C-alpha cells in the first residue's frame, strides 16, 4: 500500500475544503501557532546517486515469499534544492531544519526520481517476469536537531526514497546503513560547505542480500538574509465568532484493498503484474487522537445557528458549516498477501500516517479518509503492488444530529475503485469512527481581510 504526501498537505486539503478558515486550522495542526518564526534559507546542490542491488536470500526470504525477486533500485536526487532553518519562538526557541526541492524550477524538480528494474524468477505455472518502474519521490527531508547539532540523514525523508511498484527492499532496510554525519548548527547557518553521504555497505535485511552504494553529497551555498514571520491571531479584520468543539477520536476496523494485475498484457507486462491477485489490508492506529470541529461565522450569526452547525442545537444552521482534521503520524500495520502463479508474497510493515477530514453542512456530518495528507513515513511492504496516490480510501456520513450525544459513532464504509499503472484496485473499508466530546468553546475572533464567510 502506498501513501503520498505534499509539503504541508495544505494544497490537498484546500482542494477538498477550500476555505481560509480551514487553512487556519491546518496551520494550527502543523504547529504554526502565534510564535514568531525566523527562517534562513540556503541554496543547495545535490550530486551523486543511491543504488541498491539485491536478490532473495535463502532461507530468510522464504518466510515472506521474496526468494524469486532480484534486481536494482536507485534514487537520483533533484539537482537543486533549498535548506531552510526555522527558529520558532523567542528565548526558548525550537529549531527545525528541512531540505526542500527547488519548486521554482518546475514540476520536474519536485523531489528525486526512484527507478527499479526487478526480475521475478519463473516457476512451473508462471514464466519469469520483469518489473520496470520509475516514481517521483523524496519531496522533503526533515533533519533531526539535537543539542545544537544537525544530523544529515535520509532516513526521515518523505515520501519514501525507495518505494516503487516493484518488489524490493524499502527505506527501513537501506537508509539506516548510510552515513549520517552531524554538523554544528552554527556552522550550518554559515553555509558554504559540502556534506558527504557517500559510502558502501552490504545489504542483509528482511530476506534480501546484496549491496548498498551511495555517492550522494549535499553542497550548501551562501545563506540568504533571515526573515521573520508571525502566524496566529489577526489584529486587523472584521469581527467574527468561532465555535471549537474538541473530541477524542478513535478509528477501528480495517481497509481491504483488492488488487489484480491489469487484464491487457500490453499494460501489465512492463510492470510484471500479469496474473497477480491478492489483497493489501490496512489496520489503522489503535491510539486515540484529538480533533477540533471548528465553525467560523460572522459576528451577526445567531448563537443557535452556530451551535446547530456542530450538531449541538436541533435548529437549522443556515449556510454555516464546520471542519475538522484528525491525524495519526504513525501506528497501525499494512499486510500484503499477493499471488502470482506459484509465487506468494506475504509481508507486513508498520503503518504510516493517516488523516480523516470531517465536515458539516446541510444537516449531515461527512467523513473522508485520504492517504498522504499527513505521513511521517511511507507505509509499504516489500511485495510488488500499486500506488494508491490520492485515491479516497473511505468515506461515510451520518445525520448531524448524531453529534448531539456525548459520544457518536460514524461508519466509514463507502469504498472506491481505481486503476494504477499495471493494476486494478477495489478499496473496501470496514471502519468506525468514534467521537467522544470533551469541550465546547465559543469565542469572538477577527476575520482576516479577504476571508469570506457564508451568510446565515
Protein backbone atom coordinates (compact mmCIF):
# COMPACT_ATOMS: atom_id res chain seq x y z
CA UNK A 1 0.00 0.00 0.00
CA UNK A 2 1.40 3.35 -0.99
CA UNK A 3 0.95 6.75 0.63
CA UNK A 4 1.77 10.12 -0.90
CA UNK A 5 2.29 13.42 0.87
CA UNK A 6 2.59 17.10 -0.08
CA UNK A 7 4.89 19.54 1.66
CA UNK A 8 2.25 20.59 4.19
CA UNK A 9 -0.80 18.94 2.66
CA UNK A 10 -2.45 22.37 2.54
CA UNK A 11 -2.90 22.06 -1.23
CA UNK A 12 -4.73 18.75 -0.91
CA UNK A 13 -6.99 19.94 1.85
CA UNK A 14 -7.70 23.25 0.20
CA UNK A 15 -8.83 21.32 -2.87
CA UNK A 16 -11.29 19.30 -0.77
CA UNK A 17 -12.38 22.06 1.63
CA UNK A 18 -11.39 25.40 0.03
CA UNK A 19 -11.89 27.99 2.79
CA UNK A 20 -9.44 30.22 4.55
CA UNK A 21 -10.91 29.25 7.93
CA UNK A 22 -9.94 25.65 7.30
CA UNK A 23 -6.47 26.66 6.20
CA UNK A 24 -6.04 28.49 9.53
CA UNK A 25 -6.89 25.30 11.40
CA UNK A 26 -4.33 23.36 9.35
CA UNK A 27 -1.65 25.86 10.30
CA UNK A 28 -2.51 25.23 13.93
CA UNK A 29 -2.35 21.45 13.41
CA UNK A 30 1.05 21.77 11.81
CA UNK A 31 2.37 23.84 14.69
CA UNK A 32 2.14 27.37 13.32
CA UNK A 33 0.72 28.88 16.50
CA UNK A 34 1.38 32.54 17.28
CA UNK A 35 5.11 32.28 17.97
CA UNK A 36 7.42 34.20 15.62
CA UNK A 37 9.34 32.16 13.05
CA UNK A 38 12.76 33.29 11.85
CA UNK A 39 13.73 31.47 8.66
CA UNK A 40 17.12 31.27 6.99
CA UNK A 41 17.37 29.68 3.53
CA UNK A 42 20.48 28.29 1.88
CA UNK A 43 20.74 27.23 -1.79
CA UNK A 44 21.70 23.57 -2.21
CA UNK A 45 23.10 21.35 -4.95
CA UNK A 46 22.83 17.58 -4.53
CA UNK A 47 25.10 15.29 -6.53
CA UNK A 48 25.51 11.54 -6.79
CA UNK A 49 23.07 8.63 -6.54
CA UNK A 50 21.90 5.94 -4.11
CA UNK A 51 21.89 2.46 -5.63
CA UNK A 52 20.88 -0.92 -4.17
CA UNK A 53 21.50 -4.28 -5.84
CA UNK A 54 19.59 -7.18 -4.25
CA UNK A 55 18.36 -10.74 -4.52
CA UNK A 56 16.22 -13.02 -2.37
CA UNK A 57 18.48 -14.78 0.10
CA UNK A 58 17.55 -18.23 1.40
CA UNK A 59 16.42 -19.23 3.97
CA UNK A 60 15.11 -15.87 5.22
CA UNK A 61 13.29 -14.91 2.01
CA UNK A 62 11.01 -17.96 2.14
CA UNK A 63 9.18 -16.55 5.16
CA UNK A 64 7.87 -13.59 3.15
CA UNK A 65 7.82 -15.12 -0.32
CA UNK A 66 10.64 -12.90 -1.61
CA UNK A 67 13.07 -15.60 -2.82
CA UNK A 68 12.26 -15.20 -6.51
CA UNK A 69 12.99 -11.46 -6.75
CA UNK A 70 16.27 -9.84 -7.77
CA UNK A 71 17.30 -6.55 -9.32
CA UNK A 72 18.30 -2.98 -8.60
CA UNK A 73 16.62 0.12 -7.21
CA UNK A 74 18.23 3.56 -7.27
CA UNK A 75 17.43 7.13 -6.26
CA UNK A 76 18.53 10.17 -8.25
CA UNK A 77 18.14 13.35 -6.14
CA UNK A 78 16.88 16.65 -7.54
CA UNK A 79 19.83 18.70 -8.83
CA UNK A 80 18.87 21.83 -6.89
CA UNK A 81 17.19 22.32 -3.54
CA UNK A 82 16.91 24.65 -0.56
CA UNK A 83 17.81 24.09 3.07
CA UNK A 84 15.56 26.06 5.43
CA UNK A 85 16.45 26.63 9.08
CA UNK A 86 13.41 27.75 11.09
CA UNK A 87 13.76 29.10 14.61
CA UNK A 88 10.34 29.08 16.24
CA UNK A 89 9.74 31.16 19.37
CA UNK A 90 11.85 33.56 21.32
CA UNK A 91 14.07 32.85 24.30
CA UNK A 92 13.48 29.08 24.43
CA UNK A 93 13.17 28.54 20.69
CA UNK A 94 12.67 25.35 18.72
CA UNK A 95 14.80 24.80 15.62
CA UNK A 96 13.57 22.87 12.58
CA UNK A 97 15.76 22.10 9.56
CA UNK A 98 14.21 20.91 6.30
CA UNK A 99 15.62 20.15 2.87
CA UNK A 100 13.23 21.08 0.03
CA UNK A 101 13.48 20.61 -3.74
CA UNK A 102 13.67 23.82 -5.75
CA UNK A 103 10.00 24.08 -6.70
CA UNK A 104 10.54 27.31 -8.64
CA UNK A 105 12.49 25.34 -11.24
CA UNK A 106 9.41 23.45 -12.42
CA UNK A 107 7.43 20.27 -11.61
CA UNK A 108 10.21 18.02 -12.87
CA UNK A 109 12.39 19.02 -9.91
CA UNK A 110 9.84 18.33 -7.17
CA UNK A 111 11.79 15.59 -5.47
CA UNK A 112 14.11 12.94 -6.82
CA UNK A 113 13.37 10.02 -9.09
CA UNK A 114 13.44 6.41 -7.94
CA UNK A 115 13.85 3.77 -10.64
CA UNK A 116 13.67 -0.02 -10.33
CA UNK A 117 14.43 -2.99 -12.52
CA UNK A 118 13.34 -6.21 -10.81
CA UNK A 119 13.03 -9.76 -12.13
CA UNK A 120 10.83 -12.47 -10.65
CA UNK A 121 12.09 -15.96 -11.43
CA UNK A 122 9.58 -18.16 -13.23
CA UNK A 123 8.13 -21.38 -11.91
CA UNK A 124 6.13 -24.34 -13.07
CA UNK A 125 2.93 -22.32 -13.55
CA UNK A 126 4.28 -18.89 -14.49
CA UNK A 127 7.12 -17.63 -16.69
CA UNK A 128 9.73 -15.21 -15.43
CA UNK A 129 8.59 -11.57 -15.42
CA UNK A 130 10.30 -8.22 -15.16
CA UNK A 131 9.13 -5.03 -13.47
CA UNK A 132 10.42 -1.67 -14.74
CA UNK A 133 9.18 1.37 -12.85
CA UNK A 134 10.08 4.96 -12.00
CA UNK A 135 8.42 7.18 -9.40
CA UNK A 136 8.94 10.72 -8.18
CA UNK A 137 9.95 10.58 -4.52
CA UNK A 138 11.77 12.35 -1.75
CA UNK A 139 9.93 15.67 -1.59
CA UNK A 140 11.03 16.68 1.91
CA UNK A 141 13.85 15.65 4.21
CA UNK A 142 13.38 16.73 7.83
CA UNK A 143 16.75 16.75 9.55
CA UNK A 144 16.94 15.99 13.26
CA UNK A 145 18.38 18.71 15.53
CA UNK A 146 19.83 17.54 18.87
CA UNK A 147 21.93 19.56 21.31
CA UNK A 148 22.82 22.16 18.71
CA UNK A 149 23.87 19.67 16.01
CA UNK A 150 22.04 18.76 12.80
CA UNK A 151 22.05 15.13 11.63
CA UNK A 152 22.13 14.71 7.86
CA UNK A 153 20.15 11.54 7.29
CA UNK A 154 17.75 10.48 4.55
CA UNK A 155 16.02 8.09 6.92
CA UNK A 156 13.31 10.64 7.73
CA UNK A 157 12.60 11.54 4.12
CA UNK A 158 9.02 11.74 2.91
CA UNK A 159 7.75 10.28 0.66
CA UNK A 160 9.83 7.12 0.74
CA UNK A 161 13.02 7.20 -1.32
CA UNK A 162 12.98 3.57 -2.46
CA UNK A 163 9.28 2.97 -2.98
CA UNK A 164 8.20 1.77 -6.43
CA UNK A 165 5.56 -0.62 -7.76
CA UNK A 166 8.21 -3.34 -7.98
CA UNK A 167 9.19 -5.72 -5.19
CA UNK A 168 12.40 -4.99 -3.33
CA UNK A 169 14.00 -3.58 -0.17
CA UNK A 170 12.47 -0.44 1.32
CA UNK A 171 13.82 2.52 3.27
CA UNK A 172 13.96 0.67 6.59
CA UNK A 173 16.28 -1.93 5.04
CA UNK A 174 18.70 0.56 3.49
CA UNK A 175 18.72 4.10 4.87
CA UNK A 176 19.85 3.28 8.44
CA UNK A 177 23.07 1.90 6.93
CA UNK A 178 24.00 5.12 5.11
CA UNK A 179 26.42 7.68 6.58
CA UNK A 180 24.63 10.25 8.76
CA UNK A 181 27.15 12.98 9.68
CA UNK A 182 26.25 15.64 12.25
CA UNK A 183 27.08 19.32 11.71
CA UNK A 184 27.03 22.09 14.34
CA UNK A 185 24.00 24.30 13.74
CA UNK A 186 26.15 27.42 13.95
CA UNK A 187 28.41 26.11 11.16
CA UNK A 188 25.42 25.03 9.06
CA UNK A 189 23.93 28.52 9.23
CA UNK A 190 27.08 29.95 7.61
CA UNK A 191 26.74 27.56 4.66
CA UNK A 192 29.45 27.22 2.01
CA UNK A 193 30.29 23.61 2.85
CA UNK A 194 29.85 20.10 1.46
CA UNK A 195 28.28 17.27 3.47
CA UNK A 196 29.15 13.81 2.16
CA UNK A 197 26.65 10.94 2.42
CA UNK A 198 28.88 8.63 0.37
CA UNK A 199 29.61 5.08 1.44
CA UNK A 200 29.01 1.42 0.66
CA UNK A 201 27.60 -1.38 2.79
CA UNK A 202 26.44 -4.96 2.28
CA UNK A 203 22.69 -5.49 2.34
CA UNK A 204 21.27 -8.23 4.54
CA UNK A 205 17.71 -7.42 5.62
CA UNK A 206 14.25 -8.96 5.55
CA UNK A 207 15.12 -11.82 3.21
CA UNK A 208 17.25 -9.74 0.83
CA UNK A 209 21.02 -9.76 0.31
CA UNK A 210 23.13 -7.51 -1.89
CA UNK A 211 24.96 -4.21 -1.71
CA UNK A 212 24.23 -0.54 -0.95
CA UNK A 213 26.25 2.17 -2.68
CA UNK A 214 25.87 5.92 -2.12
CA UNK A 215 27.80 8.70 -3.86
CA UNK A 216 25.49 11.41 -2.54
CA UNK A 217 26.82 14.80 -1.46
CA UNK A 218 24.98 17.94 -0.33
CA UNK A 219 26.67 21.21 -1.36
CA UNK A 220 25.49 24.23 0.67
CA UNK A 221 25.74 27.75 -0.71
CA UNK A 222 25.74 31.16 0.95
CA UNK A 223 22.71 31.78 3.24
CA UNK A 224 20.16 34.40 2.40
CA UNK A 225 19.03 37.16 4.72
CA UNK A 226 16.96 35.82 7.67
CA UNK A 227 13.27 36.72 7.57
CA UNK A 228 10.80 36.75 10.46
CA UNK A 229 7.13 35.83 10.17
CA UNK A 230 4.34 35.53 12.72
CA UNK A 231 1.28 33.31 12.46
CA UNK A 232 -1.72 33.39 14.73
CA UNK A 233 -4.40 35.92 15.57
CA UNK A 234 -5.01 38.83 13.25
CA UNK A 235 -5.12 42.33 14.64
CA UNK A 236 -6.98 43.54 11.59
CA UNK A 237 -10.17 42.28 10.08
CA UNK A 238 -13.86 42.11 10.81
CA UNK A 239 -15.44 40.76 13.97
CA UNK A 240 -16.50 37.13 13.87
CA UNK A 241 -17.31 34.15 16.08
CA UNK A 242 -15.63 30.77 16.35
CA UNK A 243 -17.06 27.61 17.84
CA UNK A 244 -14.48 24.93 18.63
CA UNK A 245 -15.73 21.52 19.77
CA UNK A 246 -12.98 19.20 20.99
CA UNK A 247 -13.35 15.42 20.63
CA UNK A 248 -11.29 12.36 21.48
CA UNK A 249 -11.41 10.22 18.36
CA UNK A 250 -10.73 6.52 17.75
CA UNK A 251 -10.76 4.63 14.48
CA UNK A 252 -11.37 0.89 14.46
CA UNK A 253 -11.69 -1.76 11.77
CA UNK A 254 -9.74 -2.42 8.57
CA UNK A 255 -9.40 -1.32 4.98
CA UNK A 256 -9.00 -4.08 2.41
CA UNK A 257 -7.58 -3.24 -0.99
CA UNK A 258 -8.39 -5.96 -3.51
CA UNK A 259 -5.61 -5.98 -6.11
CA UNK A 260 -5.49 -7.51 -9.58
CA UNK A 261 -2.99 -7.12 -12.39
CA UNK A 262 -4.31 -5.31 -15.46
CA UNK A 263 -6.02 -7.60 -17.96
CA UNK A 264 -4.30 -6.10 -21.02
CA UNK A 265 -0.87 -7.74 -21.49
CA UNK A 266 0.46 -4.57 -23.07
CA UNK A 267 -0.30 -2.77 -19.77
CA UNK A 268 0.73 -5.39 -17.20
CA UNK A 269 3.89 -6.78 -18.82
CA UNK A 270 6.01 -3.66 -18.25
CA UNK A 271 5.38 -3.83 -14.51
CA UNK A 272 5.42 -7.63 -14.28
CA UNK A 273 1.90 -7.65 -12.84
CA UNK A 274 0.17 -10.01 -15.29
CA UNK A 275 -1.83 -12.64 -13.41
CA UNK A 276 -1.21 -11.08 -9.98
CA UNK A 277 -4.10 -11.16 -7.49
CA UNK A 278 -4.50 -10.66 -3.76
CA UNK A 279 -5.16 -8.19 -1.00
CA UNK A 280 -3.45 -5.40 0.90
CA UNK A 281 -5.00 -4.82 4.33
CA UNK A 282 -4.55 -1.71 6.43
CA UNK A 283 -5.22 -1.69 10.16
CA UNK A 284 -5.45 1.90 11.47
CA UNK A 285 -3.63 3.11 14.59
CA UNK A 286 -5.21 1.93 17.82
CA UNK A 287 -4.38 5.09 19.76
CA UNK A 288 -6.93 7.83 20.26
CA UNK A 289 -6.29 11.30 18.87
CA UNK A 290 -7.77 14.76 19.35
CA UNK A 291 -9.84 16.56 16.75
CA UNK A 292 -11.30 20.07 16.84
CA UNK A 293 -14.51 20.61 14.90
CA UNK A 294 -14.37 24.32 14.11
CA UNK A 295 -17.23 26.54 12.97
CA UNK A 296 -16.40 30.11 11.89
CA UNK A 297 -19.20 32.59 11.37
CA UNK A 298 -19.95 36.29 11.10
CA UNK A 299 -20.48 38.18 14.33
CA UNK A 300 -24.13 38.69 13.36
CA UNK A 301 -24.82 34.94 13.09
CA UNK A 302 -27.15 33.81 15.88
CA UNK A 303 -25.57 31.61 18.55
CA UNK A 304 -28.16 28.91 17.93
CA UNK A 305 -27.21 28.62 14.26
CA UNK A 306 -23.53 28.29 15.11
CA UNK A 307 -24.28 25.50 17.59
CA UNK A 308 -26.54 23.83 15.04
CA UNK A 309 -23.65 23.72 12.55
CA UNK A 310 -21.83 21.45 15.03
CA UNK A 311 -24.90 19.34 15.79
CA UNK A 312 -25.31 20.84 19.28
CA UNK A 313 -28.68 22.51 18.64
CA UNK A 314 -31.71 20.98 16.87
CA UNK A 315 -32.31 24.16 14.87
CA UNK A 316 -31.09 24.87 11.37
CA UNK A 317 -27.56 26.10 10.69
CA UNK A 318 -28.32 28.03 7.53
CA UNK A 319 -25.22 28.10 5.34
CA UNK A 320 -22.80 27.81 8.26
CA UNK A 321 -20.62 24.69 8.28
CA UNK A 322 -17.81 23.15 10.29
CA UNK A 323 -14.48 21.49 9.54
CA UNK A 324 -12.06 19.22 11.37
CA UNK A 325 -8.88 17.24 10.71
CA UNK A 326 -7.92 14.05 12.54
CA UNK A 327 -4.37 12.84 12.17
CA UNK A 328 -2.16 9.97 13.27
CA UNK A 329 1.53 10.27 12.44
CA UNK A 330 2.28 6.58 12.99
CA UNK A 331 0.65 3.38 14.07
CA UNK A 332 -1.31 0.51 12.63
CA UNK A 333 0.00 -2.00 10.13
CA UNK A 334 -0.06 -2.93 6.45
CA UNK A 335 -0.35 -6.62 5.47
CA UNK A 336 0.20 -7.74 1.87
CA UNK A 337 -0.90 -11.14 0.54
CA UNK A 338 -0.37 -11.39 -3.23
CA UNK A 339 -0.20 -14.43 -5.54
CA UNK A 340 1.30 -14.67 -9.00
CA UNK A 341 1.43 -18.15 -10.45
CA UNK A 342 3.04 -20.41 -7.86
CA UNK A 343 4.66 -17.47 -6.03
CA UNK A 344 3.06 -15.88 -2.98
CA UNK A 345 4.37 -12.72 -1.35
CA UNK A 346 3.24 -12.18 2.25
CA UNK A 347 4.72 -9.28 4.13
CA UNK A 348 3.85 -6.90 6.97
CA UNK A 349 5.04 -3.35 7.52
CA UNK A 350 4.30 -0.67 10.13
CA UNK A 351 1.56 1.72 9.11
CA UNK A 352 2.33 5.29 8.11
CA UNK A 353 0.30 8.35 8.96
CA UNK A 354 -3.44 8.61 8.44
CA UNK A 355 -5.77 11.56 8.23
CA UNK A 356 -9.53 11.96 8.17
CA UNK A 357 -11.29 15.11 7.08
CA UNK A 358 -14.67 15.81 8.67
CA UNK A 359 -17.12 18.47 7.57
CA UNK A 360 -20.65 19.51 8.49
CA UNK A 361 -23.28 21.15 6.35
CA UNK A 362 -26.84 20.74 5.12
CA UNK A 363 -27.74 18.62 8.13
CA UNK A 364 -25.03 15.98 7.56
CA UNK A 365 -21.68 15.03 9.08
CA UNK A 366 -19.31 13.78 6.38
CA UNK A 367 -16.04 11.89 6.87
CA UNK A 368 -13.45 11.28 4.16
CA UNK A 369 -10.13 9.49 4.51
CA UNK A 370 -7.45 10.41 2.01
CA UNK A 371 -3.96 8.84 2.08
CA UNK A 372 -0.97 11.09 2.25
CA UNK A 373 -2.46 14.16 3.94
CA UNK A 374 -0.09 13.56 6.84
CA UNK A 375 2.54 10.91 6.67
CA UNK A 376 5.69 10.70 8.75
CA UNK A 377 6.98 7.73 6.81
CA UNK A 378 5.77 5.71 3.85
CA UNK A 379 3.90 2.54 4.76
CA UNK A 380 4.93 -0.12 2.27
CA UNK A 381 5.71 -3.80 2.31
CA UNK A 382 8.46 -5.28 0.14
CA UNK A 383 5.99 -7.00 -2.18
CA UNK A 384 5.03 -5.56 -5.57
CA UNK A 385 1.83 -3.56 -5.76
CA UNK A 386 0.02 -0.45 -6.96
CA UNK A 387 0.40 3.14 -5.80
CA UNK A 388 -2.78 4.47 -4.21
CA UNK A 389 -1.76 8.05 -4.94
CA UNK A 390 -4.61 10.32 -3.79
CA UNK A 391 -7.41 7.74 -4.10
CA UNK A 392 -10.07 8.22 -1.45
CA UNK A 393 -9.72 5.21 0.83
CA UNK A 394 -13.02 5.53 2.61
CA UNK A 395 -15.89 7.87 3.32
CA UNK A 396 -19.08 7.96 5.30
CA UNK A 397 -21.79 10.24 6.60
CA UNK A 398 -24.36 10.49 9.35
CA UNK A 399 -27.13 12.89 10.34
CA UNK A 400 -25.66 15.93 12.07
CA UNK A 401 -27.97 15.21 15.00
CA UNK A 402 -25.65 12.28 15.88
CA UNK A 403 -23.26 14.82 17.41
CA UNK A 404 -25.89 15.87 19.96
CA UNK A 405 -24.96 12.83 22.05
CA UNK A 406 -21.83 12.86 24.20
CA UNK A 407 -20.38 10.03 22.09
CA UNK A 408 -21.10 9.48 18.40
CA UNK A 409 -20.13 6.70 16.01
CA UNK A 410 -19.89 7.12 12.24
CA UNK A 411 -19.39 4.27 9.81
CA UNK A 412 -16.71 4.81 7.17
CA UNK A 413 -17.77 2.08 4.76
CA UNK A 414 -18.05 3.67 1.31
CA UNK A 415 -15.17 2.41 -0.82
CA UNK A 416 -13.90 3.15 -4.29
CA UNK A 417 -12.32 1.57 -7.33
CA UNK A 418 -9.25 2.73 -9.17
CA UNK A 419 -6.55 1.94 -11.68
CA UNK A 420 -2.83 2.33 -11.45
CA UNK A 421 -0.10 1.51 -13.94
CA UNK A 422 -0.40 -2.26 -14.38
CA UNK A 423 -3.11 -2.71 -11.72
CA UNK A 424 -6.79 -2.53 -10.94
CA UNK A 425 -7.94 -1.99 -7.36
CA UNK A 426 -11.10 -2.08 -5.30
CA UNK A 427 -10.93 -0.50 -1.84
CA UNK A 428 -13.36 -1.86 0.76
CA UNK A 429 -13.30 -0.04 4.12
CA UNK A 430 -14.83 -1.54 7.27
CA UNK A 431 -14.18 1.35 9.67
CA UNK A 432 -15.95 3.01 12.57
CA UNK A 433 -15.02 6.48 13.78
CA UNK A 434 -15.95 7.15 17.41
CA UNK A 435 -16.06 10.76 18.64
CA UNK A 436 -16.28 11.49 22.38
CA UNK A 437 -16.99 15.18 23.10
CA UNK A 438 -14.57 16.74 25.59
CA UNK A 439 -15.01 20.52 25.41
CA UNK A 440 -17.11 23.24 23.74
CA UNK A 441 -15.81 26.78 23.35
CA UNK A 442 -17.44 29.77 21.64
CA UNK A 443 -15.37 32.93 21.34
CA UNK A 444 -15.02 36.17 19.41
CA UNK A 445 -12.37 36.27 16.67
CA UNK A 446 -11.09 38.62 13.99
CA UNK A 447 -11.81 37.50 10.44
CA UNK A 448 -8.70 38.21 8.31
CA UNK A 449 -9.10 40.63 5.42
CA UNK A 450 -10.17 38.83 2.26
CA UNK A 451 -11.69 35.83 4.04
CA UNK A 452 -15.33 35.39 3.07
CA UNK A 453 -17.72 33.63 5.43
CA UNK A 454 -21.19 32.50 4.34
CA UNK A 455 -24.24 34.46 5.41
CA UNK A 456 -26.56 32.61 7.73
